[in-house]
Protein backbone atom coordinates (compact mmCIF):
# COMPACT_ATOMS: atom_id res chain seq x y z
CA MET A 1 -6.70 -4.27 13.86
CA GLU A 2 -9.74 -4.96 11.71
CA ALA A 3 -9.82 -1.27 10.80
CA VAL A 4 -6.25 -1.61 9.51
CA LYS A 5 -7.28 -4.52 7.28
CA GLN A 6 -10.12 -2.44 5.82
CA GLY A 7 -7.92 0.60 5.05
CA SER A 8 -6.21 1.22 1.73
CA ALA A 9 -2.92 -0.59 1.26
CA ALA A 10 0.43 0.80 2.43
CA ILE A 11 3.79 -0.73 1.49
CA GLY A 12 7.32 -0.24 2.79
CA LEU A 13 10.73 -1.49 1.58
CA ARG A 14 14.24 -0.78 2.81
CA SER A 15 17.81 -1.32 1.72
CA LYS A 16 21.05 -0.43 3.47
CA THR A 17 20.78 3.21 2.42
CA HIS A 18 17.16 3.96 1.46
CA VAL A 19 13.59 3.35 2.57
CA VAL A 20 10.61 3.66 0.23
CA LEU A 21 6.97 4.02 1.26
CA ALA A 22 4.06 3.59 -1.15
CA CYS A 23 0.32 3.65 -0.64
CA VAL A 24 -2.89 3.40 -2.63
CA ASN A 25 -5.04 6.53 -2.93
CA LYS A 26 -8.64 5.47 -2.37
CA SER A 27 -11.46 8.01 -2.18
CA ASN A 28 -14.88 7.34 -0.66
CA SER A 29 -16.67 8.81 -3.66
CA GLU A 30 -15.95 9.78 -7.24
CA LEU A 31 -16.82 13.34 -6.24
CA SER A 32 -14.26 13.55 -3.42
CA SER A 33 -10.50 13.60 -3.29
CA HIS A 34 -8.46 10.96 -1.50
CA GLN A 35 -7.11 11.45 2.00
CA LYS A 36 -3.41 11.89 2.62
CA LYS A 37 -1.83 8.58 3.62
CA ILE A 38 1.88 9.48 3.84
CA SER A 39 3.14 12.17 6.21
CA LYS A 40 6.53 13.67 6.92
CA VAL A 41 7.56 13.54 10.58
CA ASP A 42 11.11 14.90 10.35
CA ASP A 43 13.83 15.15 7.73
CA HIS A 44 14.88 11.59 8.56
CA ILE A 45 11.48 10.01 9.40
CA GLY A 46 8.21 9.52 7.52
CA VAL A 47 5.10 7.46 8.09
CA ALA A 48 2.47 5.69 5.96
CA ILE A 49 -0.88 4.79 7.51
CA ALA A 50 -3.65 2.27 6.91
CA GLY A 51 -6.91 2.48 8.81
CA LEU A 52 -8.61 5.47 10.43
CA THR A 53 -6.96 8.53 8.93
CA ALA A 54 -7.94 10.76 11.86
CA ASP A 55 -6.06 8.52 14.31
CA GLY A 56 -3.09 8.52 11.96
CA ARG A 57 -2.98 12.33 11.98
CA VAL A 58 -3.03 12.40 15.78
CA LEU A 59 -0.13 9.96 16.05
CA SER A 60 1.82 11.74 13.29
CA ARG A 61 1.46 15.02 15.16
CA TYR A 62 2.67 13.32 18.36
CA MET A 63 5.72 11.96 16.53
CA ARG A 64 6.56 15.41 15.16
CA SER A 65 6.34 16.89 18.65
CA GLU A 66 8.69 14.25 20.05
CA CYS A 67 11.24 14.85 17.26
CA ILE A 68 11.16 18.62 17.82
CA ASN A 69 11.53 18.29 21.58
CA TYR A 70 14.45 15.86 21.27
CA SER A 71 16.20 18.10 18.73
CA TYR A 72 15.71 21.14 20.99
CA CYS A 73 17.09 19.38 24.08
CA PHE A 74 19.96 17.37 22.59
CA GLU A 75 20.68 19.17 19.30
CA SER A 76 20.62 15.90 17.38
CA VAL A 77 18.07 13.82 15.53
CA LEU A 78 15.85 11.40 17.43
CA PRO A 79 16.81 7.74 16.87
CA VAL A 80 14.07 5.89 15.04
CA GLY A 81 13.95 2.99 17.50
CA ARG A 82 13.45 5.30 20.47
CA LEU A 83 10.58 7.10 18.75
CA ILE A 84 8.90 3.79 17.94
CA VAL A 85 9.06 2.67 21.59
CA GLN A 86 7.43 5.93 22.71
CA LEU A 87 4.77 5.59 20.01
CA THR A 88 3.90 1.99 20.88
CA ASP A 89 3.74 2.82 24.61
CA LYS A 90 1.21 5.54 23.79
CA ALA A 91 -0.83 3.07 21.72
CA GLN A 92 -0.70 0.34 24.37
CA VAL A 93 -2.10 2.57 27.13
CA CYS A 94 -5.34 2.87 25.14
CA THR A 95 -5.84 -0.91 25.31
CA GLN A 96 -6.00 -1.01 29.13
CA ARG A 97 -8.11 2.06 29.98
CA SER A 98 -11.87 1.73 30.13
CA TRP A 99 -12.42 5.33 29.05
CA LYS A 100 -10.20 5.11 25.97
CA ARG A 101 -10.37 3.18 22.73
CA PRO A 102 -7.38 1.78 20.84
CA TYR A 103 -6.07 3.70 17.85
CA GLY A 104 -7.59 2.10 14.77
CA VAL A 105 -4.59 2.69 12.53
CA GLY A 106 -1.46 0.80 11.52
CA LEU A 107 1.73 2.75 10.91
CA LEU A 108 4.66 1.94 8.64
CA VAL A 109 7.47 4.15 9.93
CA ALA A 110 10.49 4.69 7.67
CA GLY A 111 13.59 6.32 9.10
CA LEU A 112 17.31 6.77 8.78
CA ASP A 113 19.68 7.35 11.71
CA GLU A 114 23.25 6.58 12.72
CA SER A 115 22.55 2.84 12.81
CA GLY A 116 21.21 2.78 9.25
CA ALA A 117 17.84 2.56 7.52
CA HIS A 118 14.82 1.22 9.41
CA LEU A 119 11.27 0.15 8.61
CA TYR A 120 8.91 -0.46 11.54
CA TYR A 121 5.30 -1.57 11.72
CA ASN A 122 3.27 -0.34 14.68
CA CYS A 123 0.12 -2.30 15.60
CA PRO A 124 -2.95 -0.82 17.34
CA SER A 125 -2.26 -3.31 20.15
CA GLY A 126 1.06 -1.62 20.99
CA ASN A 127 3.29 -4.26 19.40
CA TYR A 128 5.96 -3.19 16.94
CA PHE A 129 8.14 -5.11 14.50
CA GLU A 130 11.04 -4.20 12.26
CA TYR A 131 10.83 -5.46 8.68
CA GLN A 132 12.89 -5.60 5.53
CA ALA A 133 9.66 -5.13 3.58
CA PHE A 134 6.02 -5.22 4.59
CA ALA A 135 2.50 -4.36 3.40
CA ILE A 136 -0.65 -3.57 5.38
CA GLY A 137 -4.23 -2.71 4.49
CA SER A 138 -6.85 -4.20 2.21
CA ARG A 139 -5.64 -6.71 -0.39
CA SER A 140 -2.14 -6.45 1.02
CA GLN A 141 -1.62 -10.22 0.96
CA ALA A 142 -0.87 -10.10 -2.77
CA ALA A 143 1.80 -7.45 -2.16
CA ARG A 144 3.30 -9.44 0.72
CA THR A 145 3.51 -12.51 -1.52
CA TYR A 146 5.51 -10.51 -4.05
CA LEU A 147 7.75 -9.01 -1.35
CA GLU A 148 8.44 -12.42 0.19
CA ARG A 149 9.78 -13.64 -3.15
CA ARG A 150 12.04 -10.62 -3.60
CA PHE A 151 13.08 -9.41 -0.13
CA VAL A 152 16.46 -11.17 -0.18
CA SER A 153 17.68 -8.79 -2.88
CA PHE A 154 16.38 -5.62 -1.20
CA THR A 155 19.42 -5.15 1.06
CA GLY A 156 21.73 -4.37 -1.84
CA SER A 157 19.12 -2.68 -4.04
CA SER A 158 19.57 0.82 -5.39
CA ARG A 159 17.08 3.64 -4.91
CA GLU A 160 15.53 3.11 -8.35
CA ASP A 161 15.17 -0.65 -7.84
CA LEU A 162 13.41 -0.12 -4.51
CA ILE A 163 10.95 2.31 -6.09
CA LYS A 164 10.31 -0.14 -8.93
CA ASP A 165 9.60 -2.99 -6.51
CA ALA A 166 7.34 -0.71 -4.45
CA LEU A 167 5.33 0.21 -7.55
CA ILE A 168 4.99 -3.41 -8.62
CA ALA A 169 3.85 -4.40 -5.12
CA THR A 170 1.33 -1.55 -5.22
CA ARG A 171 0.04 -2.82 -8.55
CA GLU A 172 -0.53 -6.25 -7.01
CA THR A 173 -3.04 -4.73 -4.56
CA LEU A 174 -5.13 -3.11 -7.30
CA GLN A 175 -6.59 -6.41 -8.56
CA GLY A 176 -6.57 -5.71 -12.28
CA GLU A 177 -6.85 -1.93 -12.15
CA LYS A 178 -4.21 -0.15 -14.18
CA LEU A 179 -1.40 1.44 -12.17
CA ARG A 180 -1.30 5.21 -12.63
CA SER A 181 0.30 8.04 -10.72
CA SER A 182 -3.14 9.25 -9.62
CA VAL A 183 -3.88 6.07 -7.67
CA CYS A 184 -0.62 5.81 -5.71
CA THR A 185 1.75 7.92 -3.61
CA VAL A 186 5.46 7.21 -3.18
CA ALA A 187 7.91 8.70 -0.68
CA VAL A 188 11.67 8.16 -0.24
CA VAL A 189 14.23 8.76 2.50
CA GLY A 190 17.90 7.82 2.30
CA VAL A 191 21.52 8.78 2.77
CA GLY A 192 21.89 12.39 1.67
CA GLU A 193 18.21 12.52 0.75
CA PRO A 194 15.70 13.87 3.31
CA PHE A 195 12.23 12.39 3.47
CA HIS A 196 10.05 13.69 0.65
CA ILE A 197 7.02 12.66 -1.38
CA LEU A 198 7.51 12.24 -5.12
CA ASP A 199 5.23 14.32 -7.33
CA GLN A 200 2.80 12.69 -9.74
CA GLU A 201 4.78 13.54 -12.86
CA THR A 202 7.89 11.81 -11.47
CA ILE A 203 5.88 8.74 -10.45
CA GLN A 204 4.22 8.47 -13.87
CA LYS A 205 7.59 8.79 -15.58
CA LEU A 206 8.97 5.99 -13.41
CA ILE A 207 5.95 3.81 -14.21
CA ASP A 208 6.50 4.41 -17.93
CA ASP A 209 10.27 3.83 -17.70
CA PHE A 210 9.88 0.60 -15.75
CA GLU A 211 7.03 -0.47 -18.04
CA ILE A 212 4.95 -1.54 -15.06
CA VAL A 213 1.79 -2.50 -16.93
CA ARG A 214 -0.35 -5.54 -16.47
CA GLU A 215 -0.55 -7.79 -19.51
CA GLU A 216 -3.76 -7.33 -21.46
CA LYS A 217 -6.09 -10.31 -21.59
CA SER A 218 -6.13 -12.21 -24.88
CA PRO A 219 -9.10 -11.27 -27.13
CA PRO A 220 -12.00 -13.76 -27.23
CA ALA A 221 -12.01 -16.34 -30.02
CA GLU A 222 -13.80 -15.22 -33.17
CA PRO A 223 -16.91 -17.20 -34.16
CA GLN A 224 -16.68 -19.57 -37.10
CA PRO A 225 -17.66 -18.02 -40.46
CA GLY A 226 -21.26 -18.71 -41.51
CA ALA A 227 -22.42 -19.56 -38.00
CA ALA A 228 -23.72 -16.58 -36.06
CA PRO A 229 -23.69 -17.02 -32.29
CA GLY A 230 -26.96 -18.38 -30.92
CA GLN A 231 -28.45 -19.47 -34.27
CA GLY A 232 -27.73 -23.13 -33.82
CA SER A 233 -29.14 -23.20 -30.32
CA SER A 234 -32.37 -21.46 -31.39
CA ALA A 235 -32.86 -23.97 -34.23
CA ASP A 236 -32.35 -26.85 -31.83
CA GLN A 237 -34.84 -25.30 -29.43
CA GLY A 238 -37.37 -24.92 -32.24
CA ALA A 239 -36.93 -28.56 -33.28
CA GLY A 240 -37.37 -29.64 -29.68
CA ALA A 241 -40.56 -27.63 -29.42
CA ASP A 242 -42.04 -29.31 -32.53
CA GLN A 243 -41.35 -32.80 -31.26
CA GLY A 244 -43.99 -33.78 -28.74
CA GLY A 245 -45.26 -30.23 -28.38
CA VAL A 246 -42.92 -29.61 -25.40
CA ALA A 247 -40.47 -26.67 -25.52
CA SER A 248 -36.85 -27.47 -24.73
CA MET A 249 -35.40 -26.17 -21.48
CA ASP A 250 -33.41 -22.93 -21.61
CA ILE A 251 -29.94 -23.47 -20.14
């Protein structure tokens, strides 16, 4: 669970008809590209991860296999709740075997089935919770604070409003860094809209349309005319040095 807190932030929001996932793209070096944090599981299910990316890929591949097997056997889509139970059972087994280690990844699973839109959070411990909106990863507390103020309105929100709130919550985790399409990834699933990841041009256009920019800090106060900064202090120091032959203390 500590590995989840150290991973880059992932955010999920849901309404009655849509679920939006957003995550922060963080690379280990300026010379490397970021790792993929959002994966498609099926046309009606997607997942965002925070923590060890390798563990997230393993669990995503397991979820895809379960969806394919269920579709082959029953010729229908796998309910999201049933997939989550199977996923958490797999994660819990690793906490009680001496020759295994727990999966060091947290999963935000977004899905749409006959019962509506769902957003689940899967812990490395095997616990799972369903949320209206949630954020995991490093500096996610700022995003959760924003979501807690706004989650009452999410149920009736439109697709565009959900994406806007997801982008604003993502901005809150950046701690002053400007929000750009290159530092975030957004995915959507909803009624009549299969799970897909928005391209960077679309995300940047949405950021510009919603005017999601942090207010610039006010410029510093200009010095008074005729008094250059530091001149007065140096004169005082010189006067102090002349009196008694002892130099004044630098502060």
